[in-house]
Amino acid sequence: MTVSVKSIGAINEEMQEIPIAKARIEELPVELNQLLDAARALRSTHDFDSDPVNFQRVLHSVRD
């Protein structure tokens, strides 16, 4: 699954009702997909049942 301009527009229109300029909506998929890729990369090192406090350690281990 990837984030698209269409999905951001639909979510914003149907749920959030936050005014976002068209130019910004077109930029958001790049940023959100980068965030999604980073989260997926960490999935194997930090599972759903882990204590949230451990997430910071996971981030530091990936950066080093």
N, C-alpha and C. Protein backbone atom coordinates (compact mmCIF):
# COMPACT_ATOMS: atom_id res chain seq x y z
N MET A 1 0.84 -1.17 0.00
CA MET A 1 0.00 0.00 0.00
C MET A 1 0.89 1.24 0.00
N THR A 2 0.57 2.17 -0.86
CA THR A 2 1.26 3.45 -0.87
C THR A 2 0.24 4.57 -0.70
N VAL A 3 0.72 5.68 -0.22
CA VAL A 3 -0.12 6.86 -0.05
C VAL A 3 -0.11 7.64 -1.36
N SER A 4 -1.28 8.06 -1.80
CA SER A 4 -1.39 8.81 -3.04
C SER A 4 -2.09 10.15 -2.80
N VAL A 5 -1.99 11.02 -3.78
CA VAL A 5 -2.69 12.31 -3.72
C VAL A 5 -4.19 12.06 -3.55
N LYS A 6 -4.69 11.07 -4.27
CA LYS A 6 -6.12 10.75 -4.20
C LYS A 6 -6.52 10.30 -2.79
N SER A 7 -5.72 9.44 -2.18
CA SER A 7 -6.07 8.96 -0.83
C SER A 7 -5.99 10.08 0.20
N ILE A 8 -5.00 10.94 0.10
CA ILE A 8 -4.90 12.07 1.03
C ILE A 8 -6.09 13.01 0.86
N GLY A 9 -6.44 13.31 -0.38
CA GLY A 9 -7.59 14.17 -0.63
C GLY A 9 -8.88 13.58 -0.09
N ALA A 10 -9.08 12.28 -0.30
CA ALA A 10 -10.30 11.63 0.18
C ALA A 10 -10.38 11.62 1.70
N ILE A 11 -9.28 11.28 2.36
CA ILE A 11 -9.27 11.26 3.82
C ILE A 11 -9.50 12.65 4.37
N ASN A 12 -8.83 13.63 3.80
CA ASN A 12 -8.98 15.00 4.27
C ASN A 12 -10.41 15.50 4.08
N GLU A 13 -10.98 15.20 2.95
CA GLU A 13 -12.34 15.66 2.66
C GLU A 13 -13.38 14.98 3.54
N GLU A 14 -13.22 13.68 3.74
CA GLU A 14 -14.23 12.91 4.45
C GLU A 14 -14.09 12.94 5.97
N MET A 15 -12.86 13.10 6.47
CA MET A 15 -12.67 12.94 7.90
C MET A 15 -12.11 14.17 8.61
N GLN A 16 -11.12 14.78 8.06
CA GLN A 16 -10.40 15.80 8.79
C GLN A 16 -10.91 17.23 8.55
N GLU A 17 -11.30 17.49 7.33
CA GLU A 17 -11.77 18.83 6.96
C GLU A 17 -10.75 19.91 7.31
N ILE A 18 -9.48 19.61 7.12
CA ILE A 18 -8.40 20.56 7.34
C ILE A 18 -8.08 21.21 6.00
N PRO A 19 -8.09 22.53 5.95
CA PRO A 19 -7.75 23.16 4.67
C PRO A 19 -6.27 22.94 4.32
N ILE A 20 -6.03 22.26 3.23
CA ILE A 20 -4.67 22.01 2.76
C ILE A 20 -4.61 22.46 1.31
N ALA A 21 -3.62 23.26 1.00
CA ALA A 21 -3.45 23.74 -0.37
C ALA A 21 -3.17 22.57 -1.31
N LYS A 22 -3.62 22.71 -2.55
CA LYS A 22 -3.44 21.65 -3.53
C LYS A 22 -1.96 21.29 -3.70
N ALA A 23 -1.10 22.31 -3.69
CA ALA A 23 0.34 22.05 -3.84
C ALA A 23 0.85 21.19 -2.68
N ARG A 24 0.36 21.44 -1.47
CA ARG A 24 0.80 20.67 -0.31
C ARG A 24 0.29 19.24 -0.38
N ILE A 25 -0.95 19.06 -0.82
CA ILE A 25 -1.50 17.70 -0.96
C ILE A 25 -0.66 16.89 -1.94
N GLU A 26 -0.12 17.55 -2.95
CA GLU A 26 0.72 16.85 -3.92
C GLU A 26 2.09 16.50 -3.35
N GLU A 27 2.56 17.23 -2.34
CA GLU A 27 3.85 16.95 -1.70
C GLU A 27 3.75 15.86 -0.64
N LEU A 28 2.62 15.77 0.02
CA LEU A 28 2.46 14.86 1.15
C LEU A 28 2.73 13.39 0.84
N PRO A 29 2.33 12.87 -0.32
CA PRO A 29 2.59 11.44 -0.56
C PRO A 29 4.07 11.08 -0.49
N VAL A 30 4.94 11.97 -0.96
CA VAL A 30 6.38 11.68 -0.91
C VAL A 30 6.82 11.53 0.54
N GLU A 31 6.44 12.48 1.38
CA GLU A 31 6.84 12.45 2.79
C GLU A 31 6.22 11.27 3.53
N LEU A 32 4.94 11.04 3.31
CA LEU A 32 4.26 9.96 4.02
C LEU A 32 4.75 8.59 3.57
N ASN A 33 5.07 8.43 2.31
CA ASN A 33 5.61 7.15 1.85
C ASN A 33 7.02 6.92 2.39
N GLN A 34 7.81 7.98 2.56
CA GLN A 34 9.12 7.84 3.20
C GLN A 34 8.95 7.38 4.65
N LEU A 35 8.00 7.96 5.35
CA LEU A 35 7.73 7.57 6.73
C LEU A 35 7.25 6.12 6.79
N LEU A 36 6.38 5.75 5.88
CA LEU A 36 5.89 4.38 5.82
C LEU A 36 7.03 3.39 5.55
N ASP A 37 7.92 3.74 4.64
CA ASP A 37 9.08 2.88 4.35
C ASP A 37 9.97 2.71 5.59
N ALA A 38 10.18 3.81 6.31
CA ALA A 38 11.01 3.75 7.53
C ALA A 38 10.35 2.87 8.58
N ALA A 39 9.04 2.99 8.74
CA ALA A 39 8.32 2.16 9.71
C ALA A 39 8.39 0.69 9.32
N ARG A 40 8.25 0.42 8.04
CA ARG A 40 8.35 -0.97 7.57
C ARG A 40 9.74 -1.54 7.80
N ALA A 41 10.76 -0.71 7.63
CA ALA A 41 12.14 -1.17 7.84
C ALA A 41 12.39 -1.55 9.29
N LEU A 42 11.71 -0.89 10.21
CA LEU A 42 11.88 -1.17 11.64
C LEU A 42 10.98 -2.30 12.14
N ARG A 43 10.05 -2.71 11.31
CA ARG A 43 9.07 -3.72 11.74
C ARG A 43 9.72 -4.97 12.31
N SER A 44 10.80 -5.41 11.71
CA SER A 44 11.42 -6.66 12.18
C SER A 44 12.15 -6.51 13.50
N THR A 45 12.48 -5.28 13.89
CA THR A 45 13.22 -5.08 15.13
C THR A 45 12.34 -4.62 16.29
N HIS A 46 11.12 -4.26 15.99
CA HIS A 46 10.21 -3.77 17.05
C HIS A 46 8.79 -4.22 16.72
N ASP A 47 8.36 -5.31 17.33
CA ASP A 47 7.03 -5.82 17.00
C ASP A 47 5.93 -5.11 17.81
N PHE A 48 4.72 -5.40 17.45
CA PHE A 48 3.55 -4.73 18.03
C PHE A 48 3.46 -4.90 19.54
N ASP A 49 3.86 -6.03 20.05
CA ASP A 49 3.72 -6.31 21.48
C ASP A 49 4.88 -5.78 22.33
N SER A 50 5.85 -5.14 21.70
CA SER A 50 6.98 -4.59 22.46
C SER A 50 6.54 -3.36 23.24
N ASP A 51 7.23 -3.14 24.34
CA ASP A 51 6.97 -1.96 25.15
C ASP A 51 7.33 -0.71 24.34
N PRO A 52 6.46 0.28 24.26
CA PRO A 52 6.74 1.50 23.49
C PRO A 52 8.06 2.18 23.88
N VAL A 53 8.46 2.03 25.12
CA VAL A 53 9.71 2.64 25.56
C VAL A 53 10.90 2.08 24.78
N ASN A 54 10.80 0.85 24.33
CA ASN A 54 11.88 0.23 23.56
C ASN A 54 12.04 0.82 22.17
N PHE A 55 11.03 1.51 21.68
CA PHE A 55 11.08 2.07 20.33
C PHE A 55 12.24 3.05 20.19
N GLN A 56 12.48 3.84 21.22
CA GLN A 56 13.58 4.80 21.17
C GLN A 56 14.92 4.07 21.03
N ARG A 57 15.09 2.97 21.72
CA ARG A 57 16.32 2.18 21.59
C ARG A 57 16.45 1.63 20.17
N VAL A 58 15.34 1.21 19.60
CA VAL A 58 15.38 0.68 18.23
C VAL A 58 15.83 1.78 17.27
N LEU A 59 15.27 2.98 17.43
CA LEU A 59 15.67 4.08 16.56
C LEU A 59 17.16 4.40 16.67
N HIS A 60 17.65 4.41 17.90
CA HIS A 60 19.08 4.70 18.10
C HIS A 60 19.95 3.60 17.50
N SER A 61 19.53 2.36 17.59
CA SER A 61 20.34 1.27 17.05
C SER A 61 20.38 1.32 15.53
N VAL A 62 19.31 1.79 14.92
CA VAL A 62 19.27 1.88 13.45
C VAL A 62 20.13 3.04 12.97
N ARG A 63 20.13 4.15 13.72
CA ARG A 63 20.91 5.32 13.33
C ARG A 63 22.42 5.12 13.48
N ASP A 64 22.82 4.30 14.42
CA ASP A 64 24.27 4.14 14.68
C ASP A 64 24.97 3.34 13.63
